[in-house]
Protein backbone atom coordinates (compact mmCIF):
# COMPACT_ATOMS: atom_id res chain seq x y z
CA MET A 1 14.73 13.85 -11.81
CA SER A 2 14.56 14.69 -8.12
CA ASP A 3 17.82 15.22 -6.28
CA VAL A 4 19.08 11.70 -5.62
CA ALA A 5 21.68 13.00 -3.17
CA GLY A 6 19.05 14.61 -0.92
CA ASN A 7 17.23 13.07 2.01
CA SER A 8 13.98 14.99 2.26
CA LEU A 9 12.37 12.72 4.84
CA ILE A 10 15.03 13.48 7.42
CA GLU A 11 15.63 17.09 6.41
CA SER A 12 11.98 18.01 7.02
CA GLY A 13 12.43 17.48 10.75
CA LYS A 14 8.96 15.95 11.08
CA PRO A 15 7.99 12.51 12.32
CA LEU A 16 7.86 10.25 9.29
CA PHE A 17 4.37 8.97 10.12
CA PHE A 18 1.61 10.75 12.01
CA GLU A 19 -2.06 11.62 12.23
CA VAL A 20 -2.60 15.03 10.63
CA GLU A 21 -3.85 17.62 13.12
CA ASN A 22 -5.00 20.22 10.58
CA PRO A 23 -6.69 18.44 7.63
CA ALA A 24 -9.29 21.20 7.21
CA ASP A 25 -6.58 23.85 6.85
CA LEU A 26 -5.01 21.76 4.08
CA GLY A 27 -8.28 21.14 2.27
CA LEU A 28 -7.95 17.40 2.84
CA THR A 29 -11.33 16.05 1.86
CA ALA A 30 -12.29 12.56 0.73
CA PRO A 31 -14.53 11.59 -2.20
CA ALA A 32 -18.21 11.03 -1.51
CA ILE A 33 -18.99 7.54 -0.23
CA HIS A 34 -21.01 5.35 -2.57
CA MET A 35 -19.92 1.85 -1.54
CA GLY A 36 -18.98 2.00 2.13
CA GLU A 37 -15.62 3.77 2.34
CA ALA A 38 -13.89 6.29 0.06
CA ILE A 39 -10.22 7.19 0.42
CA ARG A 40 -8.21 9.94 -1.23
CA VAL A 41 -4.41 9.76 -1.43
CA ARG A 42 -2.49 12.91 -2.29
CA ALA A 43 1.15 12.05 -2.93
CA ARG A 44 4.25 13.84 -4.19
CA SER A 45 7.80 12.93 -5.13
CA LEU A 46 10.65 14.04 -2.87
CA SER A 47 14.38 13.47 -3.23
CA GLY A 48 15.52 10.25 -4.88
CA MET A 49 12.85 7.58 -4.54
CA GLN A 50 11.28 9.15 -1.45
CA LYS A 51 7.57 9.97 -1.53
CA GLU A 52 5.10 11.60 0.84
CA ALA A 53 1.33 11.08 1.03
CA LEU A 54 -1.56 12.68 2.88
CA ILE A 55 -4.43 10.22 3.13
CA VAL A 56 -7.99 10.89 4.26
CA ALA A 57 -10.82 8.38 4.64
CA ALA A 58 -14.41 9.60 4.34
CA ARG A 59 -16.09 7.24 6.83
CA ALA A 60 -13.15 7.02 9.21
CA ARG A 61 -12.73 10.83 9.12
CA LYS A 62 -9.02 10.49 9.79
CA ALA A 63 -6.09 11.97 7.89
CA TRP A 64 -2.61 10.45 8.02
CA ARG A 65 0.82 11.39 6.72
CA LEU A 66 2.67 8.35 5.38
CA VAL A 67 6.00 8.21 3.55
CA SER A 68 7.84 5.66 1.43
CA ASP A 69 11.39 5.04 0.26
CA GLU A 70 13.30 2.29 -1.49
CA GLY A 71 16.45 0.38 -0.63
CA ALA A 72 19.77 0.08 -2.44
CA TYR A 73 18.12 -1.99 -5.19
CA LEU A 74 16.51 1.26 -6.42
CA ALA A 75 19.24 3.69 -5.28
CA GLY A 76 17.08 4.61 -2.28
CA ARG A 77 18.06 5.48 1.28
CA ASP A 78 15.82 2.93 3.05
CA GLU A 79 14.42 5.60 5.39
CA ALA A 80 10.86 4.26 5.09
CA PRO A 81 9.07 1.14 3.84
CA CYS A 82 8.89 0.33 0.15
CA PRO A 83 5.46 0.78 -1.51
CA LEU A 84 4.61 -2.92 -1.55
CA SER A 85 4.93 -2.99 2.25
CA PHE A 86 1.84 -0.84 2.62
CA LEU A 87 -0.48 -3.03 0.58
CA THR A 88 0.74 -6.19 2.34
CA THR A 89 0.23 -4.49 5.72
CA GLY A 90 -3.27 -3.30 4.88
CA MET A 91 -4.22 -6.59 3.28
CA VAL A 92 -3.17 -8.86 6.14
CA SER A 93 -4.76 -6.43 8.63
CA SER A 94 -8.04 -6.50 6.69
CA TYR A 95 -7.98 -10.28 6.74
CA MET A 96 -7.43 -10.22 10.50
CA ASN A 97 -10.43 -7.89 10.91
CA GLU A 98 -12.71 -10.21 8.94
CA ILE A 99 -11.47 -13.45 10.54
CA LEU A 100 -12.07 -12.11 14.06
CA ALA A 101 -15.51 -10.76 13.18
CA LEU A 102 -16.60 -13.92 11.37
CA ALA A 103 -15.33 -16.13 14.20
CA THR A 104 -17.53 -14.16 16.60
CA THR A 105 -20.54 -14.52 14.31
CA ARG A 106 -19.98 -18.26 13.97
CA GLN A 107 -19.17 -18.67 17.68
CA ILE A 108 -15.72 -20.10 16.96
CA GLU A 109 -13.38 -19.40 19.86
CA LEU A 110 -9.87 -18.42 18.79
CA HIS A 111 -7.41 -18.69 21.67
CA LYS A 112 -4.45 -17.49 19.61
CA ILE A 113 -4.04 -16.21 16.06
CA ARG A 114 -1.16 -15.16 13.85
CA LEU A 115 -1.39 -14.49 10.10
CA ILE A 116 1.57 -14.84 7.74
CA GLN A 117 0.95 -13.49 4.26
CA ASP A 118 3.24 -13.84 1.27
CA ASN A 119 2.79 -11.54 -1.74
CA ARG A 120 4.73 -12.19 -4.94
CA TYR A 121 5.07 -10.04 -8.03
CA THR A 122 6.89 -10.28 -11.36
CA MET A 123 8.71 -7.84 -13.64
CA THR A 124 9.71 -8.81 -17.16
CA GLY A 125 10.77 -7.06 -20.36
CA SER A 126 12.58 -3.89 -21.42
CA ALA A 127 11.64 -0.37 -20.30
CA LEU A 128 13.29 1.27 -23.33
CA LYS A 129 11.51 -1.05 -25.75
CA GLY A 130 8.20 -0.51 -23.96
CA THR A 131 7.78 -4.20 -23.15
CA MET A 132 8.49 -4.11 -19.41
CA THR A 133 5.40 -5.29 -17.53
CA GLY A 134 4.62 -5.80 -13.86
CA GLY A 135 2.58 -8.76 -12.70
CA ALA A 136 0.97 -10.08 -9.52
CA LYS A 137 0.63 -13.68 -8.35
CA ASP A 138 -1.87 -15.43 -6.08
CA VAL A 139 -1.53 -14.64 -2.39
CA MET A 140 -0.44 -17.23 0.17
CA LEU A 141 -1.99 -16.82 3.61
CA THR A 142 -0.91 -19.04 6.49
CA ALA A 143 -3.26 -18.80 9.47
CA GLN A 144 -1.65 -20.02 12.68
CA ILE A 145 -4.57 -20.54 15.04
CA THR A 146 -5.12 -22.26 18.36
CA SER A 147 -8.78 -23.19 18.69
CA GLY A 148 -11.10 -25.99 19.72
CA ALA A 149 -12.48 -25.99 16.17
CA ASP A 150 -11.22 -28.57 13.69
CA ARG A 151 -8.95 -27.74 10.75
CA ASP A 152 -11.71 -27.84 8.12
CA THR A 153 -13.85 -25.41 10.14
CA LEU A 154 -10.90 -23.05 10.50
CA ALA A 155 -10.00 -23.30 6.81
CA LYS A 156 -13.56 -22.37 5.82
CA LEU A 157 -13.52 -19.53 8.35
CA VAL A 158 -10.34 -18.04 6.87
CA LEU A 159 -11.37 -18.49 3.23
CA ASP A 160 -14.77 -16.90 3.82
CA ALA A 161 -13.13 -14.05 5.73
CA THR A 162 -10.74 -13.26 2.87
CA ALA A 163 -13.72 -13.05 0.51
CA ALA A 164 -15.43 -10.68 2.95
CA SER A 165 -12.44 -8.31 2.95
CA PRO A 166 -12.99 -5.08 0.98
CA LEU A 167 -9.74 -5.85 -0.85
CA ASN A 168 -11.51 -8.82 -2.44
CA GLY A 169 -13.07 -6.26 -4.78
CA LEU A 170 -9.67 -5.40 -6.29
CA MET A 171 -8.42 -9.00 -6.41
CA ARG A 172 -11.30 -10.81 -8.07
CA GLY A 173 -12.05 -10.16 -11.71
CA VAL A 174 -10.28 -7.50 -13.76
CA LYS A 175 -10.22 -3.87 -12.65
CA GLU A 176 -8.63 -1.55 -15.22
CA SER A 177 -7.45 1.62 -13.50
CA LEU A 178 -8.54 5.04 -14.77
CA PHE A 179 -6.46 8.22 -15.16
CA THR A 180 -6.26 11.89 -16.03
CA LEU A 181 -2.93 13.43 -17.05
CA THR A 182 -1.73 16.96 -16.43
CA HIS A 183 1.64 17.93 -17.92
CA ASN A 184 3.31 21.18 -16.89
CA ALA A 185 0.03 22.57 -15.48
CA ARG A 186 -1.98 21.67 -18.62
CA GLU A 187 -4.38 18.73 -18.80
CA ILE A 188 -3.76 16.53 -21.83
CA GLU A 189 -5.26 13.33 -23.16
CA PRO A 190 -3.56 10.12 -21.96
CA GLY A 191 -2.08 7.64 -24.42
CA ARG A 192 -2.88 3.95 -23.87
CA ALA A 193 -3.89 4.42 -20.22
CA HIS A 194 -7.66 4.33 -19.73
CA ARG A 195 -9.12 7.83 -19.50
CA LEU A 196 -11.15 8.78 -16.44
CA SER A 197 -14.49 10.23 -17.51
CA LYS A 198 -14.11 13.31 -15.31
CA SER A 199 -11.66 16.22 -15.49
CA ALA A 200 -8.59 16.44 -13.29
CA VAL A 201 -9.09 17.61 -9.71
CA ALA A 202 -6.93 20.40 -8.29
CA ASP A 203 -3.19 19.73 -8.29
CA PRO A 204 -2.11 19.16 -4.65
CA GLY A 205 0.98 21.29 -5.35
CA GLU A 206 3.29 21.99 -2.44
CA GLY A 207 0.75 22.09 0.40
CA PHE A 208 2.16 18.94 1.99
CA ALA A 209 4.73 20.88 4.02
CA ASP A 210 1.99 22.51 6.12
CA ALA A 211 0.71 19.22 7.55
CA ARG A 212 1.14 19.19 11.35
CA PRO A 213 1.29 16.08 13.54
CA THR A 214 -1.37 15.59 16.19
CA ALA A 215 0.17 15.84 19.67
CA GLY A 216 1.83 12.66 20.89
CA ASP A 217 4.73 10.33 20.25
CA TRP A 218 4.37 8.80 16.76
CA SER A 219 7.77 7.10 16.65
CA GLY A 220 6.24 3.66 17.19
CA LEU A 221 3.65 3.88 14.41
CA VAL A 222 6.01 2.56 11.72
CA ARG A 223 9.66 1.84 12.41
CA ARG A 224 12.59 0.17 10.70
CA GLY A 225 14.21 -2.96 12.05
CA GLU A 226 17.13 -5.09 10.95
CA LEU A 227 17.69 -6.56 7.50
CA THR A 228 15.31 -9.32 6.47
CA PRO A 229 16.93 -12.76 6.80
CA LYS A 230 18.17 -13.89 3.40
CA ALA A 231 16.32 -16.58 1.51
CA ALA A 232 17.67 -18.66 -1.37
CA HIS A 233 16.03 -16.32 -3.87
CA SER A 234 17.12 -13.02 -2.23
CA VAL A 235 18.90 -10.56 -4.56
CA THR A 236 21.01 -7.77 -3.11
CA LEU A 237 22.60 -6.01 -6.11
CA ALA A 238 22.63 -2.21 -5.79
CA ASN A 239 20.58 -0.45 -8.49
CA ASP A 240 19.47 -3.84 -9.84
CA SER A 241 15.88 -2.62 -10.22
CA LEU A 242 17.08 0.27 -12.41
CA ALA A 243 18.30 -2.06 -15.18
CA ASP A 244 16.53 -1.65 -18.52
CA GLN A 245 15.93 -5.39 -18.93
CA GLN A 246 14.11 -7.21 -16.11
CA SER A 247 13.17 -10.80 -15.39
CA ARG A 248 12.62 -11.20 -11.69
CA LEU A 249 10.33 -12.25 -8.89
CA LEU A 250 9.55 -10.00 -5.94
CA HIS A 251 8.59 -11.47 -2.58
CA ILE A 252 7.30 -9.61 0.47
CA ARG A 253 5.87 -11.06 3.67
CA GLY A 254 3.62 -9.62 6.37
CA ILE A 255 3.21 -11.22 9.82
CA CYS A 256 0.18 -9.92 11.71
CA THR A 257 -0.52 -10.39 15.41
CA LEU A 258 -2.75 -8.66 17.96
CA ARG A 259 -1.57 -6.61 20.89
CA ASP A 260 -3.47 -6.96 24.16
CA ASP A 261 -5.30 -3.69 23.40
CA GLY A 262 -6.52 -4.96 20.01
CA VAL A 263 -4.13 -2.96 17.82
CA LYS A 264 -2.75 -5.04 14.97
CA GLN A 265 1.04 -5.32 14.77
CA ILE A 266 2.62 -6.22 11.44
CA GLU A 267 6.18 -7.24 10.73
CA GLN A 268 7.00 -6.70 7.05
CA GLN A 269 9.88 -8.70 5.60
CA LEU A 270 11.35 -7.97 2.16
CA PHE A 271 13.02 -11.06 0.72
CA ASN A 272 13.43 -10.07 -2.91
CA PRO A 273 14.77 -7.55 -3.59
CA HIS A 274 16.50 -7.95 -0.26
CA GLY A 275 15.64 -5.13 2.13
CA SER A 276 14.88 -4.11 5.67
CA ILE A 277 12.19 -5.30 8.04
CA PHE A 278 9.65 -2.62 8.97
CA TYR A 279 7.15 -2.80 11.81
CA PHE A 280 3.67 -1.27 11.42
CA LEU A 281 0.69 -0.65 13.67
CA CYS A 282 -2.84 -0.75 12.26
CA ASP A 283 -6.15 0.11 13.90
CA GLU A 284 -9.61 0.72 12.50
CA ALA A 285 -11.38 3.99 13.19
CA GLN A 286 -14.07 4.15 15.87
CA GLU A 287 -16.73 4.08 13.14
CA ASN A 288 -15.38 0.65 12.15
CA GLY A 289 -14.95 -0.88 15.59
CA GLY A 290 -11.46 0.33 16.51
CA GLN A 291 -10.08 3.37 18.29
CA GLY A 292 -8.24 5.09 15.44
CA ARG A 293 -4.82 4.84 17.08
CA ALA A 294 -3.09 4.01 13.77
CA PRO A 295 -4.00 4.04 10.06
CA ASP A 296 -6.76 1.63 9.11
CA ALA A 297 -6.32 -1.26 6.68
CA ALA A 298 -7.95 0.47 3.69
CA SER A 299 -5.73 3.55 4.09
CA TYR A 300 -2.59 1.40 4.06
CA ILE A 301 -3.86 -0.46 0.97
CA SER A 302 -4.61 2.79 -0.85
CA ALA A 303 -1.24 4.29 0.09
CA GLY A 304 0.54 1.22 -1.25
CA ILE A 305 -1.14 1.48 -4.64
CA GLY A 306 -0.28 5.17 -4.92
CA PHE A 307 3.32 4.81 -3.77
CA CYS A 308 4.01 1.86 -6.10
CA PHE A 309 2.57 3.72 -9.08
CA MET A 310 4.71 6.77 -8.33
CA THR A 311 7.87 4.69 -8.04
CA GLN A 312 7.40 3.56 -11.62
CA PHE A 313 7.48 7.16 -12.91
CA GLY A 314 10.79 7.84 -11.18
CA ARG A 315 12.26 4.51 -12.25
CA TYR A 316 11.25 4.88 -15.90
CA ALA A 317 12.61 8.43 -16.11
CA GLN A 318 15.97 7.28 -14.71
CA ILE A 319 16.21 4.35 -17.12
CA ALA A 320 15.18 6.49 -20.11
CA LYS A 321 17.37 9.41 -18.92
CA LYS A 322 14.49 11.89 -19.19
CA ASP A 323 13.94 15.20 -17.39
CA LEU A 324 11.18 14.38 -14.88
CA ARG A 325 11.45 17.08 -12.24
CA LYS A 326 8.43 16.56 -9.99
CA TYR A 327 5.41 14.28 -10.01
CA ARG A 328 2.28 14.14 -7.92
CA ILE A 329 -0.97 12.20 -7.85
CA VAL A 330 -4.45 12.42 -6.38
CA GLN A 331 -5.83 8.88 -6.13
CA ASP A 332 -9.36 7.84 -5.14
CA THR A 333 -10.29 4.33 -4.03
CA HIS A 334 -13.79 3.13 -3.21
CA PHE A 335 -14.41 0.00 -1.12
CA SER A 336 -17.41 -1.72 0.39
CA LEU A 337 -17.41 -2.31 4.12
CA GLY A 338 -16.20 -5.69 5.33
CA GLY A 339 -18.73 -8.45 4.85
CA ALA A 340 -18.05 -9.85 8.33
CA SER A 341 -16.82 -6.80 10.27
CA ALA A 342 -19.75 -4.65 9.07
CA GLY A 343 -22.24 -7.52 9.21
CA THR A 344 -23.32 -7.29 5.57
CA GLY A 345 -22.70 -10.96 4.88
CA LYS A 346 -21.48 -10.07 1.39
CA ALA A 347 -18.18 -10.43 -0.44
CA GLY A 348 -15.96 -7.35 -0.47
CA ARG A 349 -16.30 -5.02 -3.45
CA ALA A 350 -14.25 -2.19 -4.92
CA ASP A 351 -14.34 0.18 -7.88
CA PRO A 352 -11.44 0.63 -10.32
CA VAL A 353 -8.74 2.90 -8.92
CA GLU A 354 -9.03 6.50 -10.16
CA THR A 355 -5.81 8.53 -10.37
CA HIS A 356 -5.06 12.10 -11.42
CA VAL A 357 -1.41 12.47 -12.48
CA TYR A 358 0.58 15.73 -12.48
CA LEU A 359 4.01 15.77 -14.13
CA GLU A 360 6.54 18.61 -14.28
CA THR A 361 9.13 17.87 -16.96
CA GLY A 362 11.45 19.44 -19.50
CA GLU A 363 10.13 16.97 -22.05
CA SER A 364 7.27 16.86 -24.57
CA ASP A 365 3.65 15.85 -24.06
CA ASP A 366 4.47 12.58 -25.81
CA PHE A 367 6.97 11.76 -23.07
CA ALA A 368 4.32 12.52 -20.42
CA ARG A 369 1.93 10.09 -22.12
CA THR A 370 4.62 7.42 -22.42
CA ALA A 371 5.62 7.89 -18.77
CA LEU A 372 2.01 7.34 -17.66
CA ASP A 373 1.64 4.30 -19.91
CA MET A 374 4.84 2.74 -18.62
CA ALA A 375 4.07 3.58 -14.99
CA GLU A 376 0.69 1.84 -15.24
CA GLN A 377 2.16 -1.08 -17.19
CA THR A 378 5.01 -1.69 -14.74
CA CYS A 379 3.17 -0.94 -11.48
CA PHE A 380 2.85 -4.16 -9.49
CA LEU A 381 -0.27 -2.97 -7.71
CA HIS A 382 -2.14 -1.79 -10.78
CA ALA A 383 -1.27 -5.26 -12.11
CA PHE A 384 -2.74 -6.61 -8.86
CA CYS A 385 -6.00 -4.82 -9.73
CA ARG A 386 -6.16 -5.98 -13.35
CA THR A 387 -5.41 -9.64 -12.54
CA ASP A 388 -7.93 -12.17 -11.23
CA LEU A 389 -6.18 -13.39 -8.08
CA LYS A 390 -6.93 -15.95 -5.41
CA VAL A 391 -5.90 -16.39 -1.79
CA ARG A 392 -4.40 -19.79 -1.04
CA VAL A 393 -4.87 -20.67 2.63
CA ALA A 394 -2.90 -22.97 4.93
CA ILE A 395 -3.91 -23.67 8.54
CA GLN A 396 -1.38 -24.38 11.29
CA ASP A 397 -1.61 -24.80 15.05
CA ALA A 398 -0.26 -21.57 16.56
CA ASP A 399 1.08 -23.47 19.59
CA ALA A 400 3.22 -25.68 17.34
CA VAL A 401 5.15 -22.79 15.72
CA ALA A 402 6.89 -19.69 17.03
CA VAL A 403 7.38 -16.25 15.53
CA ASP A 404 8.73 -13.75 18.05
CA LEU A 405 7.77 -10.12 17.40
CA PRO A 406 8.91 -7.19 19.53
CA ALA A 407 6.07 -5.23 21.12
CA LEU A 408 5.47 -1.84 19.48
CA ALA A 409 4.15 1.10 21.44
CA ILE A 410 2.36 4.27 20.42
CA ASP A 411 1.56 7.15 22.72
CA ALA A 412 -0.64 9.62 20.88
CA GLY A 413 -2.54 12.40 22.57
C-alpha cells in the first residue's frame, strides 16, 4: 500500500485545488462529445488515502486539479474533502443551475434561495468474504425559497428542475459501469466487473506532478472548516471504516447558496462518519452561462465518482493485507446539457461511467481482478449509478429559517 505515514498533499508545495495552466503540455484531452458534455478524470493514489485528479471538460474547455483525503475513520489526514463531498457539491450545484434557469423560463421570481441536500449511503457485509456491498438511498432536497409563488408552484419548479439536471441520467434507471483492467503494465480481462468494449487508454503514469496552477490565489476555492456538528447517528471511531465487517449508514449534507456575483457556495457537512466541514465554490464555464471561476457541477460530480471508486481499492487492500503499491484511473463521463439551463426542455441524460484501471501490485492477476470487483461492489457512487433513485423535495420559506455561511473569496488571474 501507499505510505500511510506520508502527507503528499502538503509535501508537494502546491495549492490543493487550482485551474491547470498547462493542460496541453500534459496531454489533458477530453473524450469526444456525443451527448452535450464529456469529462475525463485522470486520478492517482498518493500517500495513505490521499488522491489527486486532473479533470478536463470538453465543452467547458477547462482543466482543474482536485484532491481528496479521508478522516480518522479511514486512517486519513483530513487534508481535503472525502470523495462523497464532491458528488454532493456537484449535485446540489447542478440543481441550483436548473432551478434558476427554469424559474426564469416560467417567470417565477425568486427573491431568496438556499438548497439543503442530504445524501445517504449504506455499507453492509464482509470484505474478506466478498459480500461487502455499497448502496445509495433516495436524495432529500430541501429548497428554502422566498417568492411570491405558492408552495405547489415552487414544489413543481424544484421537482422539474431536478429532472432537468444532467445528473438525472445517472440516478434514474440502472447504469452498470464499464471497465478495463491493466495490472503491472499489462491489460488483462476483468472478473465480474462489466468489460468496456474498447481497449485501455494510455496509463496517466506520473505526469500529474507537472501540472501548474494558473496565476492567482486559489486558497478560497475549497477550504476546510471546523468539525461538523454531531448528530445522534454520528460515529467517530478511528479506523472504523477499515473493519472487515460493515453495517452502517453514511450521511453527507450540502448547503448551496449564491454569492452576489453568481458563484455558488457550498458548505459540505459530514455527519456519518463524523468529519470536517469543507467549503466549495462552483461556477459554470462561459459556454454554459458562467464565468469559469471555479469547477463546474459536472466536473465535481465526475471527480466524486472517481475518488470514491479509488478509495475502495485502498480500503480493500488494507483489509485483505495485500500488496497494492499504486493505483490510477482514467474515467470518462458523458452527460446531456441541462434541460432548463440549456433550454432543451428535456430530462437530463447520462451514459454508463467508463473507467480504465491501472494497478501496480506484488500480487497475482487474480488479486487484481478481485480488487476491481470489490472496488466496484463497495463504491457508493457506482452503487448510485446502478440504483434507480428519486429526489424527495421539501419546500420552506427562506425567511423563516437561518443558515449562516461565511463568504468565500477567490482571486484568480
